[in-house]
């Protein structure tokens, strides 16, 4: 048993560290374009994303080092309670706040040297969600990660969170602004990676582009339900409990001009509610800005 444990530590669960590293590298390279696009859709300043490194190691080593003010989130999948560990270093946290709130990207970025604030944790949570969604993929090769992932941990809460040990692979991405850089690391058990993302020998790495175009056309012909939602005033749980049948609730000022049009739980447009003849209508005003909505949610009142 001791000999088996030593061999596993050196070579990984499969005894094929090169195969594990290749699968991890292929996953990182396939995800990179989508990571850039999805992350920058949420930020005010464009952040470049690069693959920093892909390493084979141990799962327990994924957590941030003590005293580095890093943050960590552990995501479960349908087959594993800890299928993915996401870690942000202190430099990445400062960079993301700068990029989200539109600070001068050329100014030097100083890593935080304290526990992250609630706002910083919200920004990191937004970033972790983007990375987890892209890495998860879709279809038959999806890693079945349960989204949304849990909130990131820092400080005392992070210290209380233990990680089991075992063979793992880490994908390390570097985020860059002119004023500095930081890293986001994704660690997963080798068995999770190989189960969903290892390619058999000789399998083609790229699909026929004609099939992609045909599939895209079929998707565009599919029908979906649209839902228009008017904003209401905030109410306490006590006030909601006192509501009665027939009671009339007043809409806040400007509610008609901020109707949200959504489909399958995703908000698409901000619209103006109105009426044309006997029919109620919504007129599309602008595309829904998720970043602006996120920032507005951070502001009081």
C-alpha atoms as a PDB file:
ATOM      1  CA  UNK A   1       0.000   0.000   0.000  1.00  0.00           C
ATOM      2  CA  UNK A   2       2.842   2.402   0.825  1.00  0.00           C
ATOM      3  CA  UNK A   3       4.508   1.706  -2.529  1.00  0.00           C
ATOM      4  CA  UNK A   4       1.189   2.282  -4.338  1.00  0.00           C
ATOM      5  CA  UNK A   5       0.703   5.601  -2.513  1.00  0.00           C
ATOM      6  CA  UNK A   6       4.209   6.808  -3.422  1.00  0.00           C
ATOM      7  CA  UNK A   7       3.728   5.867  -7.092  1.00  0.00           C
ATOM      8  CA  UNK A   8       0.344   7.604  -7.147  1.00  0.00           C
ATOM      9  CA  UNK A   9       1.842  10.791  -5.727  1.00  0.00           C
ATOM     10  CA  UNK A  10       4.515  10.790  -8.421  1.00  0.00           C
ATOM     11  CA  UNK A  11       2.502   9.734 -11.456  1.00  0.00           C
ATOM     12  CA  UNK A  12      -1.158  10.367 -10.639  1.00  0.00           C
ATOM     13  CA  UNK A  13      -4.157   8.095 -10.381  1.00  0.00           C
ATOM     14  CA  UNK A  14      -3.750   6.626 -13.865  1.00  0.00           C
ATOM     15  CA  UNK A  15       0.023   6.274 -13.917  1.00  0.00           C
ATOM     16  CA  UNK A  16      -0.090   8.371 -17.101  1.00  0.00           C
ATOM     17  CA  UNK A  17       0.788  11.945 -16.062  1.00  0.00           C
ATOM     18  CA  UNK A  18       1.473  12.963 -19.676  1.00  0.00           C
ATOM     19  CA  UNK A  19      -2.022  11.900 -20.722  1.00  0.00           C
ATOM     20  CA  UNK A  20      -3.569  13.810 -17.806  1.00  0.00           C
ATOM     21  CA  UNK A  21      -1.526  16.944 -18.577  1.00  0.00           C
ATOM     22  CA  UNK A  22      -2.476  16.698 -22.270  1.00  0.00           C
ATOM     23  CA  UNK A  23      -6.164  16.458 -21.433  1.00  0.00           C
ATOM     24  CA  UNK A  24      -5.859  19.430 -19.065  1.00  0.00           C
ATOM     25  CA  UNK A  25      -3.978  21.517 -21.647  1.00  0.00           C
ATOM     26  CA  UNK A  26      -6.562  20.684 -24.339  1.00  0.00           C
ATOM     27  CA  UNK A  27      -9.384  21.696 -21.999  1.00  0.00           C
ATOM     28  CA  UNK A  28      -7.674  25.006 -21.150  1.00  0.00           C
ATOM     29  CA  UNK A  29      -7.004  25.841 -24.804  1.00  0.00           C
ATOM     30  CA  UNK A  30     -10.579  25.063 -25.868  1.00  0.00           C
ATOM     31  CA  UNK A  31     -11.988  27.152 -23.023  1.00  0.00           C
ATOM     32  CA  UNK A  32      -9.697  30.174 -23.490  1.00  0.00           C
ATOM     33  CA  UNK A  33     -11.649  32.056 -26.230  1.00  0.00           C
ATOM     34  CA  UNK A  34     -14.952  31.632 -24.383  1.00  0.00           C
ATOM     35  CA  UNK A  35     -13.345  32.712 -21.099  1.00  0.00           C
ATOM     36  CA  UNK A  36     -12.101  35.947 -22.678  1.00  0.00           C
ATOM     37  CA  UNK A  37     -15.448  36.719 -24.268  1.00  0.00           C
ATOM     38  CA  UNK A  38     -17.626  35.789 -21.272  1.00  0.00           C
ATOM     39  CA  UNK A  39     -15.459  37.543 -18.680  1.00  0.00           C
ATOM     40  CA  UNK A  40     -15.140  40.777 -20.646  1.00  0.00           C
ATOM     41  CA  UNK A  41     -18.888  40.851 -21.195  1.00  0.00           C
ATOM     42  CA  UNK A  42     -19.146  41.496 -17.445  1.00  0.00           C
ATOM     43  CA  UNK A  43     -16.346  44.074 -17.085  1.00  0.00           C
ATOM     44  CA  UNK A  44     -15.945  47.768 -17.892  1.00  0.00           C
ATOM     45  CA  UNK A  45     -12.245  47.470 -18.852  1.00  0.00           C
ATOM     46  CA  UNK A  46     -11.031  44.724 -21.186  1.00  0.00           C
ATOM     47  CA  UNK A  47      -8.985  42.055 -19.402  1.00  0.00           C
ATOM     48  CA  UNK A  48      -6.761  39.672 -21.325  1.00  0.00           C
ATOM     49  CA  UNK A  49      -6.744  36.025 -20.254  1.00  0.00           C
ATOM     50  CA  UNK A  50      -3.813  33.686 -20.893  1.00  0.00           C
ATOM     51  CA  UNK A  51      -2.979  30.109 -19.972  1.00  0.00           C
ATOM     52  CA  UNK A  52      -0.264  30.404 -17.335  1.00  0.00           C
ATOM     53  CA  UNK A  53       0.366  26.721 -16.637  1.00  0.00           C
ATOM     54  CA  UNK A  54      -1.171  23.244 -16.523  1.00  0.00           C
ATOM     55  CA  UNK A  55       0.221  20.976 -13.808  1.00  0.00           C
ATOM     56  CA  UNK A  56      -0.411  17.505 -12.425  1.00  0.00           C
ATOM     57  CA  UNK A  57      -0.393  17.437  -8.624  1.00  0.00           C
ATOM     58  CA  UNK A  58      -2.428  16.803  -5.500  1.00  0.00           C
ATOM     59  CA  UNK A  59      -5.976  17.964  -4.799  1.00  0.00           C
ATOM     60  CA  UNK A  60      -5.199  19.116  -1.242  1.00  0.00           C
ATOM     61  CA  UNK A  61      -2.630  21.580  -2.621  1.00  0.00           C
ATOM     62  CA  UNK A  62      -5.346  23.590  -4.413  1.00  0.00           C
ATOM     63  CA  UNK A  63      -6.188  25.856  -1.467  1.00  0.00           C
ATOM     64  CA  UNK A  64      -4.498  29.286  -1.181  1.00  0.00           C
ATOM     65  CA  UNK A  65      -1.420  29.473   1.037  1.00  0.00           C
ATOM     66  CA  UNK A  66      -2.030  30.852   4.515  1.00  0.00           C
ATOM     67  CA  UNK A  67      -1.539  34.612   4.766  1.00  0.00           C
ATOM     68  CA  UNK A  68      -1.840  35.272   1.009  1.00  0.00           C
ATOM     69  CA  UNK A  69      -5.424  36.662   1.239  1.00  0.00           C
ATOM     70  CA  UNK A  70      -6.598  34.372  -1.556  1.00  0.00           C
ATOM     71  CA  UNK A  71     -10.200  33.208  -2.017  1.00  0.00           C
ATOM     72  CA  UNK A  72     -11.575  29.763  -2.851  1.00  0.00           C
ATOM     73  CA  UNK A  73     -14.837  28.174  -3.965  1.00  0.00           C
ATOM     74  CA  UNK A  74     -15.591  24.446  -4.200  1.00  0.00           C
ATOM     75  CA  UNK A  75     -18.126  23.341  -6.813  1.00  0.00           C
ATOM     76  CA  UNK A  76     -19.897  19.989  -6.845  1.00  0.00           C
ATOM     77  CA  UNK A  77     -20.992  17.952  -9.849  1.00  0.00           C
ATOM     78  CA  UNK A  78     -23.480  15.136 -10.331  1.00  0.00           C
ATOM     79  CA  UNK A  79     -20.688  12.619  -9.684  1.00  0.00           C
ATOM     80  CA  UNK A  80     -18.429  14.389  -7.168  1.00  0.00           C
ATOM     81  CA  UNK A  81     -18.962  16.704  -4.160  1.00  0.00           C
ATOM     82  CA  UNK A  82     -15.745  18.542  -5.041  1.00  0.00           C
ATOM     83  CA  UNK A  83     -15.406  18.341  -8.807  1.00  0.00           C
ATOM     84  CA  UNK A  84     -13.828  21.785  -9.171  1.00  0.00           C
ATOM     85  CA  UNK A  85     -11.875  24.096  -6.861  1.00  0.00           C
ATOM     86  CA  UNK A  86     -11.521  27.712  -7.995  1.00  0.00           C
ATOM     87  CA  UNK A  87      -8.881  29.936  -6.381  1.00  0.00           C
ATOM     88  CA  UNK A  88      -8.186  33.639  -6.900  1.00  0.00           C
ATOM     89  CA  UNK A  89      -4.999  35.254  -5.635  1.00  0.00           C
ATOM     90  CA  UNK A  90      -4.975  38.714  -4.015  1.00  0.00           C
ATOM     91  CA  UNK A  91      -3.674  40.353  -7.192  1.00  0.00           C
ATOM     92  CA  UNK A  92      -6.553  38.970  -9.277  1.00  0.00           C
ATOM     93  CA  UNK A  93      -9.088  40.287  -6.758  1.00  0.00           C
ATOM     94  CA  UNK A  94      -7.683  43.823  -7.010  1.00  0.00           C
ATOM     95  CA  UNK A  95      -7.467  43.614 -10.810  1.00  0.00           C
ATOM     96  CA  UNK A  96     -11.087  42.450 -11.167  1.00  0.00           C
ATOM     97  CA  UNK A  97     -12.425  45.255  -8.986  1.00  0.00           C
ATOM     98  CA  UNK A  98     -10.437  47.749 -11.092  1.00  0.00           C
ATOM     99  CA  UNK A  99     -11.791  46.262 -14.331  1.00  0.00           C
ATOM    100  CA  UNK A 100     -15.402  46.032 -13.166  1.00  0.00           C
ATOM    101  CA  UNK A 101     -15.761  49.533 -11.774  1.00  0.00           C
ATOM    102  CA  UNK A 102     -13.904  51.259 -14.594  1.00  0.00           C
ATOM    103  CA  UNK A 103     -10.861  52.510 -12.685  1.00  0.00           C
ATOM    104  CA  UNK A 104      -7.778  53.564 -14.653  1.00  0.00           C
ATOM    105  CA  UNK A 105      -6.487  50.233 -16.061  1.00  0.00           C
ATOM    106  CA  UNK A 106      -3.038  51.733 -16.733  1.00  0.00           C
ATOM    107  CA  UNK A 107      -2.427  52.579 -13.079  1.00  0.00           C
ATOM    108  CA  UNK A 108      -0.357  50.044 -11.072  1.00  0.00           C
ATOM    109  CA  UNK A 109      -2.600  47.471  -9.392  1.00  0.00           C
ATOM    110  CA  UNK A 110      -1.700  46.723  -5.779  1.00  0.00           C
ATOM    111  CA  UNK A 111      -2.784  43.288  -4.472  1.00  0.00           C
ATOM    112  CA  UNK A 112      -5.020  43.484  -1.411  1.00  0.00           C
ATOM    113  CA  UNK A 113      -3.151  42.862   1.858  1.00  0.00           C
ATOM    114  CA  UNK A 114      -6.206  42.182   4.032  1.00  0.00           C
ATOM    115  CA  UNK A 115      -9.307  40.019   4.022  1.00  0.00           C
ATOM    116  CA  UNK A 116     -11.494  40.816   0.974  1.00  0.00           C
ATOM    117  CA  UNK A 117     -14.546  43.002   1.491  1.00  0.00           C
ATOM    118  CA  UNK A 118     -18.104  41.908   0.686  1.00  0.00           C
ATOM    119  CA  UNK A 119     -17.961  43.837  -2.604  1.00  0.00           C
ATOM    120  CA  UNK A 120     -14.656  42.195  -3.567  1.00  0.00           C
ATOM    121  CA  UNK A 121     -16.130  38.772  -2.776  1.00  0.00           C
ATOM    122  CA  UNK A 122     -19.128  39.594  -4.996  1.00  0.00           C
ATOM    123  CA  UNK A 123     -16.788  40.455  -7.874  1.00  0.00           C
ATOM    124  CA  UNK A 124     -14.780  37.266  -7.357  1.00  0.00           C
ATOM    125  CA  UNK A 125     -18.016  35.249  -7.191  1.00  0.00           C
ATOM    126  CA  UNK A 126     -19.068  36.717 -10.548  1.00  0.00           C
ATOM    127  CA  UNK A 127     -15.693  35.739 -12.036  1.00  0.00           C
ATOM    128  CA  UNK A 128     -15.745  32.227 -10.573  1.00  0.00           C
ATOM    129  CA  UNK A 129     -19.223  31.691 -12.022  1.00  0.00           C
ATOM    130  CA  UNK A 130     -17.962  32.654 -15.506  1.00  0.00           C
ATOM    131  CA  UNK A 131     -14.986  30.275 -15.261  1.00  0.00           C
ATOM    132  CA  UNK A 132     -17.088  27.397 -13.906  1.00  0.00           C
ATOM    133  CA  UNK A 133     -19.748  27.817 -16.606  1.00  0.00           C
ATOM    134  CA  UNK A 134     -17.192  27.834 -19.428  1.00  0.00           C
ATOM    135  CA  UNK A 135     -15.129  24.919 -18.066  1.00  0.00           C
ATOM    136  CA  UNK A 136     -18.292  22.914 -17.443  1.00  0.00           C
ATOM    137  CA  UNK A 137     -19.121  22.838 -21.143  1.00  0.00           C
ATOM    138  CA  UNK A 138     -22.338  21.349 -22.487  1.00  0.00           C
ATOM    139  CA  UNK A 139     -23.774  18.270 -24.094  1.00  0.00           C
ATOM    140  CA  UNK A 140     -22.442  14.747 -23.642  1.00  0.00           C
ATOM    141  CA  UNK A 141     -19.007  15.943 -22.503  1.00  0.00           C
ATOM    142  CA  UNK A 142     -20.306  18.363 -19.896  1.00  0.00           C
ATOM    143  CA  UNK A 143     -18.631  17.989 -16.502  1.00  0.00           C
ATOM    144  CA  UNK A 144     -22.131  18.293 -14.930  1.00  0.00           C
ATOM    145  CA  UNK A 145     -20.983  20.985 -12.490  1.00  0.00           C
ATOM    146  CA  UNK A 146     -23.883  22.261 -10.392  1.00  0.00           C
ATOM    147  CA  UNK A 147     -24.484  25.945 -11.162  1.00  0.00           C
ATOM    148  CA  UNK A 148     -24.579  28.465  -9.609  1.00  0.00           C
ATOM    149  CA  UNK A 149     -21.513  27.487  -7.601  1.00  0.00           C
ATOM    150  CA  UNK A 150     -21.222  28.272  -3.846  1.00  0.00           C
ATOM    151  CA  UNK A 151     -20.018  31.669  -2.651  1.00  0.00           C
ATOM    152  CA  UNK A 152     -16.218  32.075  -2.402  1.00  0.00           C
ATOM    153  CA  UNK A 153     -14.564  31.609   0.990  1.00  0.00           C
ATOM    154  CA  UNK A 154     -11.897  33.790   2.571  1.00  0.00           C
ATOM    155  CA  UNK A 155     -10.283  34.336   5.962  1.00  0.00           C
ATOM    156  CA  UNK A 156     -11.691  32.258   8.843  1.00  0.00           C
ATOM    157  CA  UNK A 157     -14.333  30.578   6.674  1.00  0.00           C
ATOM    158  CA  UNK A 158     -11.632  29.448   4.251  1.00  0.00           C
ATOM    159  CA  UNK A 159      -9.457  28.159   7.101  1.00  0.00           C
ATOM    160  CA  UNK A 160     -12.321  25.930   8.270  1.00  0.00           C
ATOM    161  CA  UNK A 161     -12.815  24.363   4.817  1.00  0.00           C
ATOM    162  CA  UNK A 162     -10.828  21.176   4.344  1.00  0.00           C
ATOM    163  CA  UNK A 163     -10.009  19.470   1.043  1.00  0.00           C
ATOM    164  CA  UNK A 164      -9.546  15.751   0.590  1.00  0.00           C
ATOM    165  CA  UNK A 165      -6.355  14.561  -1.027  1.00  0.00           C
ATOM    166  CA  UNK A 166      -5.900  12.689  -4.278  1.00  0.00           C
ATOM    167  CA  UNK A 167      -4.435  13.023  -7.781  1.00  0.00           C
ATOM    168  CA  UNK A 168      -5.482  16.261  -9.456  1.00  0.00           C
ATOM    169  CA  UNK A 169      -4.757  18.578 -12.359  1.00  0.00           C
ATOM    170  CA  UNK A 170      -4.594  22.378 -12.097  1.00  0.00           C
ATOM    171  CA  UNK A 171      -5.330  24.828 -14.901  1.00  0.00           C
ATOM    172  CA  UNK A 172      -3.818  28.216 -14.070  1.00  0.00           C
ATOM    173  CA  UNK A 173      -5.028  31.275 -16.000  1.00  0.00           C
ATOM    174  CA  UNK A 174      -3.421  34.712 -15.843  1.00  0.00           C
ATOM    175  CA  UNK A 175      -5.574  37.847 -16.006  1.00  0.00           C
ATOM    176  CA  UNK A 176      -3.806  40.927 -17.384  1.00  0.00           C
ATOM    177  CA  UNK A 177      -4.366  44.680 -17.415  1.00  0.00           C
ATOM    178  CA  UNK A 178      -1.702  47.265 -18.351  1.00  0.00           C
ATOM    179  CA  UNK A 179      -1.318  47.996 -14.621  1.00  0.00           C
ATOM    180  CA  UNK A 180      -0.741  44.439 -13.439  1.00  0.00           C
ATOM    181  CA  UNK A 181      -1.843  40.809 -13.458  1.00  0.00           C
ATOM    182  CA  UNK A 182      -3.303  38.098 -11.246  1.00  0.00           C
ATOM    183  CA  UNK A 183      -4.135  34.395 -11.447  1.00  0.00           C
ATOM    184  CA  UNK A 184      -7.260  32.246 -11.284  1.00  0.00           C
ATOM    185  CA  UNK A 185      -6.566  28.539 -10.720  1.00  0.00           C
ATOM    186  CA  UNK A 186      -8.962  25.678 -11.413  1.00  0.00           C
ATOM    187  CA  UNK A 187      -8.193  22.298  -9.841  1.00  0.00           C
ATOM    188  CA  UNK A 188     -10.128  19.093 -10.462  1.00  0.00           C
ATOM    189  CA  UNK A 189      -9.603  15.411  -9.615  1.00  0.00           C
ATOM    190  CA  UNK A 190      -7.896  13.522 -12.416  1.00  0.00           C
ATOM    191  CA  UNK A 191     -10.753  11.032 -12.606  1.00  0.00           C
ATOM    192  CA  UNK A 192     -13.255  13.867 -13.190  1.00  0.00           C
ATOM    193  CA  UNK A 193     -11.154  15.356 -15.984  1.00  0.00           C
ATOM    194  CA  UNK A 194     -10.488  12.046 -17.719  1.00  0.00           C
ATOM    195  CA  UNK A 195     -14.072  10.848 -17.414  1.00  0.00           C
ATOM    196  CA  UNK A 196     -15.459  13.860 -19.273  1.00  0.00           C
ATOM    197  CA  UNK A 197     -12.621  15.324 -21.328  1.00  0.00           C
ATOM    198  CA  UNK A 198     -10.015  12.700 -22.264  1.00  0.00           C
ATOM    199  CA  UNK A 199     -10.026  12.042 -26.036  1.00  0.00           C
ATOM    200  CA  UNK A 200      -9.499   8.472 -27.282  1.00  0.00           C
ATOM    201  CA  UNK A 201      -6.469   7.896 -29.454  1.00  0.00           C
ATOM    202  CA  UNK A 202      -7.060   9.052 -33.016  1.00  0.00           C
ATOM    203  CA  UNK A 203     -10.260  10.999 -32.270  1.00  0.00           C
ATOM    204  CA  UNK A 204     -10.500  14.259 -34.229  1.00  0.00           C
ATOM    205  CA  UNK A 205     -10.047  17.376 -32.159  1.00  0.00           C
ATOM    206  CA  UNK A 206     -12.222  19.609 -34.332  1.00  0.00           C
ATOM    207  CA  UNK A 207     -15.770  19.076 -35.576  1.00  0.00           C
ATOM    208  CA  UNK A 208     -16.747  19.544 -39.219  1.00  0.00           C
ATOM    209  CA  UNK A 209     -17.552  23.293 -39.579  1.00  0.00           C
ATOM    210  CA  UNK A 210     -20.431  22.446 -41.929  1.00  0.00           C
ATOM    211  CA  UNK A 211     -22.138  20.532 -39.129  1.00  0.00           C
ATOM    212  CA  UNK A 212     -21.688  23.532 -36.798  1.00  0.00           C
ATOM    213  CA  UNK A 213     -23.286  25.879 -39.346  1.00  0.00           C
ATOM    214  CA  UNK A 214     -26.211  23.492 -39.908  1.00  0.00           C
ATOM    215  CA  UNK A 215     -26.729  23.037 -36.168  1.00  0.00           C
ATOM    216  CA  UNK A 216     -26.677  26.824 -35.687  1.00  0.00           C
ATOM    217  CA  UNK A 217     -29.390  27.278 -38.333  1.00  0.00           C
ATOM    218  CA  UNK A 218     -31.604  24.707 -36.615  1.00  0.00           C
ATOM    219  CA  UNK A 219     -31.154  26.449 -33.260  1.00  0.00           C
ATOM    220  CA  UNK A 220     -32.194  29.805 -34.740  1.00  0.00           C
ATOM    221  CA  UNK A 221     -35.447  28.214 -35.972  1.00  0.00           C
ATOM    222  CA  UNK A 222     -36.411  26.950 -32.514  1.00  0.00           C
ATOM    223  CA  UNK A 223     -39.150  28.756 -30.567  1.00  0.00           C
ATOM    224  CA  UNK A 224     -38.952  30.022 -26.991  1.00  0.00           C
ATOM    225  CA  UNK A 225     -41.392  31.685 -24.601  1.00  0.00           C
ATOM    226  CA  UNK A 226     -40.855  35.381 -23.767  1.00  0.00           C
ATOM    227  CA  UNK A 227     -41.856  36.964 -20.465  1.00  0.00           C
ATOM    228  CA  UNK A 228     -42.189  40.703 -19.752  1.00  0.00           C
ATOM    229  CA  UNK A 229     -41.775  41.666 -16.091  1.00  0.00           C
ATOM    230  CA  UNK A 230     -42.655  44.980 -14.435  1.00  0.00           C
ATOM    231  CA  UNK A 231     -40.641  46.025 -11.384  1.00  0.00           C
ATOM    232  CA  UNK A 232     -42.486  46.312  -8.044  1.00  0.00           C
ATOM    233  CA  UNK A 233     -41.615  48.155  -4.856  1.00  0.00           C
ATOM    234  CA  UNK A 234     -39.579  46.310  -2.232  1.00  0.00           C
ATOM    235  CA  UNK A 235     -41.705  44.818   0.539  1.00  0.00           C
ATOM    236  CA  UNK A 236     -40.903  43.162   3.824  1.00  0.00           C
ATOM    237  CA  UNK A 237     -41.934  39.557   4.443  1.00  0.00           C
ATOM    238  CA  UNK A 238     -44.425  40.885   6.993  1.00  0.00           C
ATOM    239  CA  UNK A 239     -46.050  43.142   4.411  1.00  0.00           C
ATOM    240  CA  UNK A 240     -46.268  40.271   1.924  1.00  0.00           C
ATOM    241  CA  UNK A 241     -47.890  38.078   4.578  1.00  0.00           C
ATOM    242  CA  UNK A 242     -50.600  40.752   5.086  1.00  0.00           C
ATOM    243  CA  UNK A 243     -51.583  40.931   1.403  1.00  0.00           C
ATOM    244  CA  UNK A 244     -55.237  40.164   0.686  1.00  0.00           C
ATOM    245  CA  UNK A 245     -57.180  39.124  -2.394  1.00  0.00           C
ATOM    246  CA  UNK A 246     -58.302  42.207  -4.334  1.00  0.00           C
ATOM    247  CA  UNK A 247     -55.673  44.504  -2.834  1.00  0.00           C
ATOM    248  CA  UNK A 248     -54.228  47.005  -5.340  1.00  0.00           C
ATOM    249  CA  UNK A 249     -50.464  47.590  -5.385  1.00  0.00           C
ATOM    250  CA  UNK A 250     -49.038  50.771  -6.890  1.00  0.00           C
ATOM    251  CA  UNK A 251     -46.210  50.490  -9.394  1.00  0.00           C
ATOM    252  CA  UNK A 252     -43.129  52.641  -8.693  1.00  0.00           C
ATOM    253  CA  UNK A 253     -42.465  55.681 -10.856  1.00  0.00           C
ATOM    254  CA  UNK A 254     -40.741  54.685 -14.090  1.00  0.00           C
ATOM    255  CA  UNK A 255     -41.769  51.013 -13.840  1.00  0.00           C
ATOM    256  CA  UNK A 256     -43.374  51.046 -17.299  1.00  0.00           C
ATOM    257  CA  UNK A 257     -40.115  52.266 -18.848  1.00  0.00           C
ATOM    258  CA  UNK A 258     -38.009  49.548 -17.190  1.00  0.00           C
ATOM    259  CA  UNK A 259     -39.917  46.406 -18.109  1.00  0.00           C
ATOM    260  CA  UNK A 260     -37.539  43.462 -18.500  1.00  0.00           C
ATOM    261  CA  UNK A 261     -38.020  40.981 -21.337  1.00  0.00           C
ATOM    262  CA  UNK A 262     -36.621  37.528 -20.551  1.00  0.00           C
ATOM    263  CA  UNK A 263     -36.575  33.986 -21.862  1.00  0.00           C
ATOM    264  CA  UNK A 264     -35.758  30.800 -19.945  1.00  0.00           C
ATOM    265  CA  UNK A 265     -34.589  32.766 -16.927  1.00  0.00           C
ATOM    266  CA  UNK A 266     -32.215  35.032 -18.889  1.00  0.00           C
ATOM    267  CA  UNK A 267     -32.992  38.748 -19.205  1.00  0.00           C
ATOM    268  CA  UNK A 268     -32.561  39.938 -22.798  1.00  0.00           C
ATOM    269  CA  UNK A 269     -33.871  43.506 -23.149  1.00  0.00           C
ATOM    270  CA  UNK A 270     -35.137  46.509 -21.198  1.00  0.00           C
ATOM    271  CA  UNK A 271     -38.512  47.565 -22.653  1.00  0.00           C
ATOM    272  CA  UNK A 272     -41.285  50.135 -22.288  1.00  0.00           C
ATOM    273  CA  UNK A 273     -44.701  48.763 -21.347  1.00  0.00           C
ATOM    274  CA  UNK A 274     -47.693  50.184 -23.257  1.00  0.00           C
ATOM    275  CA  UNK A 275     -50.923  49.474 -25.124  1.00  0.00           C
ATOM    276  CA  UNK A 276     -51.844  49.390 -28.831  1.00  0.00           C
ATOM    277  CA  UNK A 277     -55.587  49.203 -29.428  1.00  0.00           C
ATOM    278  CA  UNK A 278     -56.916  46.359 -27.290  1.00  0.00           C
ATOM    279  CA  UNK A 279     -53.513  44.715 -26.929  1.00  0.00           C
ATOM    280  CA  UNK A 280     -50.849  45.307 -24.319  1.00  0.00           C
ATOM    281  CA  UNK A 281     -47.356  45.808 -25.778  1.00  0.00           C
ATOM    282  CA  UNK A 282     -43.691  46.153 -24.883  1.00  0.00           C
ATOM    283  CA  UNK A 283     -41.333  48.246 -26.989  1.00  0.00           C
ATOM    284  CA  UNK A 284     -37.668  47.248 -26.901  1.00  0.00           C
ATOM    285  CA  UNK A 285     -35.568  50.155 -25.568  1.00  0.00           C
ATOM    286  CA  UNK A 286     -32.093  48.679 -25.149  1.00  0.00           C
ATOM    287  CA  UNK A 287     -30.171  45.486 -24.541  1.00  0.00           C
ATOM    288  CA  UNK A 288     -30.054  44.360 -20.923  1.00  0.00           C
ATOM    289  CA  UNK A 289     -26.682  45.280 -19.363  1.00  0.00           C
ATOM    290  CA  UNK A 290     -25.892  42.570 -16.798  1.00  0.00           C
ATOM    291  CA  UNK A 291     -22.800  44.432 -15.582  1.00  0.00           C
ATOM    292  CA  UNK A 292     -24.757  47.631 -14.895  1.00  0.00           C
ATOM    293  CA  UNK A 293     -27.493  45.640 -13.181  1.00  0.00           C
ATOM    294  CA  UNK A 294     -24.876  43.909 -11.012  1.00  0.00           C
ATOM    295  CA  UNK A 295     -23.294  47.234 -10.000  1.00  0.00           C
ATOM    296  CA  UNK A 296     -26.721  48.780  -9.251  1.00  0.00           C
ATOM    297  CA  UNK A 297     -27.427  45.811  -6.979  1.00  0.00           C
ATOM    298  CA  UNK A 298     -24.321  46.619  -4.943  1.00  0.00           C
ATOM    299  CA  UNK A 299     -25.442  50.196  -4.298  1.00  0.00           C
ATOM    300  CA  UNK A 300     -27.722  50.900  -1.322  1.00  0.00           C
ATOM    301  CA  UNK A 301     -31.354  51.836  -1.872  1.00  0.00           C
END
